[in-house]
Amino acid sequence: MESNQTRANGALQRHLSNLKLVSRLLGHELHTQSSAKSITLSRDEVLEIQTTLDLFIEEATRRQSGVAGAPAGGGETRLVHARN
């Protein structure tokens, strides 16, 4: 029983690390552009944030559907679609 809880805690920490990354990216931009009332993000920065969020959403959806731990697509890595 303890092993299941340990695994669940580890999975939660991995999921939260994605959100921590987004928070740090945004915090970094706010800090570096602190003198301006508005901030500017490059396309690469927005893409990194979007990819991190998409991966988090994909993993959360996979877990909610009851296929925890199994890769999407029967063992193949599924690509995340970029939005324009």
Protein backbone atom coordinates (compact mmCIF):
# COMPACT_ATOMS: atom_id res chain seq x y z
CA MET A 1 0.00 0.00 0.00
CA GLU A 2 2.83 2.39 0.84
CA SER A 3 4.47 1.66 -2.49
CA ASN A 4 1.32 2.79 -4.38
CA GLN A 5 1.26 6.05 -2.43
CA THR A 6 4.97 6.59 -3.07
CA ARG A 7 4.42 6.08 -6.79
CA ALA A 8 1.43 8.42 -6.77
CA ASN A 9 3.49 11.08 -4.99
CA GLY A 10 6.30 10.67 -7.53
CA ALA A 11 3.85 11.02 -10.42
CA LEU A 12 2.35 14.12 -8.85
CA GLN A 13 5.81 15.65 -8.44
CA ARG A 14 6.58 14.98 -12.12
CA HIS A 15 3.33 16.66 -13.15
CA LEU A 16 3.96 19.63 -10.92
CA SER A 17 7.47 20.02 -12.33
CA ASN A 18 5.89 20.94 -15.69
CA LEU A 19 3.89 23.72 -14.06
CA LYS A 20 6.94 24.86 -12.11
CA LEU A 21 8.82 25.19 -15.39
CA VAL A 22 6.09 27.39 -16.87
CA SER A 23 6.07 29.50 -13.73
CA ARG A 24 9.84 29.94 -13.85
CA LEU A 25 9.79 30.88 -17.53
CA LEU A 26 7.14 33.51 -16.91
CA GLY A 27 8.86 34.72 -13.73
CA HIS A 28 12.13 35.09 -15.61
CA GLU A 29 10.48 37.25 -18.27
CA LEU A 30 8.76 39.39 -15.66
CA HIS A 31 12.06 39.90 -13.86
CA THR A 32 14.10 40.73 -16.98
CA GLN A 33 11.46 43.16 -18.25
CA SER A 34 10.59 44.64 -14.86
CA SER A 35 10.76 48.29 -15.94
CA ALA A 36 8.06 47.93 -18.61
CA LYS A 37 4.35 47.95 -17.90
CA SER A 38 3.84 45.25 -20.55
CA ILE A 39 6.18 42.41 -21.46
CA THR A 40 7.21 40.92 -24.79
CA LEU A 41 7.71 37.20 -25.37
CA SER A 42 9.49 35.74 -28.36
CA ARG A 43 7.86 33.04 -30.46
CA ASP A 44 10.35 30.52 -29.04
CA GLU A 45 9.44 31.42 -25.47
CA VAL A 46 5.72 31.12 -26.17
CA LEU A 47 6.33 27.80 -27.94
CA GLU A 48 8.25 26.45 -24.91
CA ILE A 49 5.45 27.49 -22.56
CA GLN A 50 2.80 26.04 -24.85
CA THR A 51 4.65 22.74 -25.26
CA THR A 52 5.07 22.37 -21.50
CA LEU A 53 1.38 23.02 -20.92
CA ASP A 54 0.36 20.65 -23.72
CA LEU A 55 2.49 17.86 -22.25
CA PHE A 56 0.96 18.44 -18.83
CA ILE A 57 -2.57 18.37 -20.26
CA GLU A 58 -1.83 15.22 -22.27
CA GLU A 59 -0.47 13.37 -19.24
CA ALA A 60 -3.34 14.51 -17.00
CA THR A 61 -5.87 13.40 -19.62
CA ARG A 62 -4.15 10.04 -19.98
CA ARG A 63 -4.23 9.51 -16.21
CA GLN A 64 -7.88 10.55 -15.98
CA SER A 65 -8.86 8.01 -18.64
CA GLY A 66 -7.34 5.24 -16.51
CA VAL A 67 -4.28 4.43 -18.61
CA ALA A 68 -1.76 5.70 -16.08
CA GLY A 69 1.84 4.93 -16.95
CA ALA A 70 1.08 3.62 -20.41
CA PRO A 71 2.43 5.69 -23.28
CA ALA A 72 -0.13 7.07 -25.71
CA GLY A 73 -0.48 5.26 -29.01
CA GLY A 74 0.43 1.78 -27.77
CA GLY A 75 4.07 2.42 -26.94
CA GLU A 76 4.81 5.07 -29.54
CA THR A 77 5.61 8.64 -28.64
CA ARG A 78 2.77 10.90 -29.68
CA LEU A 79 3.68 14.30 -31.14
CA VAL A 80 2.17 17.46 -29.72
CA HIS A 81 0.53 19.64 -32.35
CA ALA A 82 1.64 23.26 -32.49
CA ARG A 83 -0.94 25.99 -32.81
CA ASN A 84 -0.41 28.96 -35.11
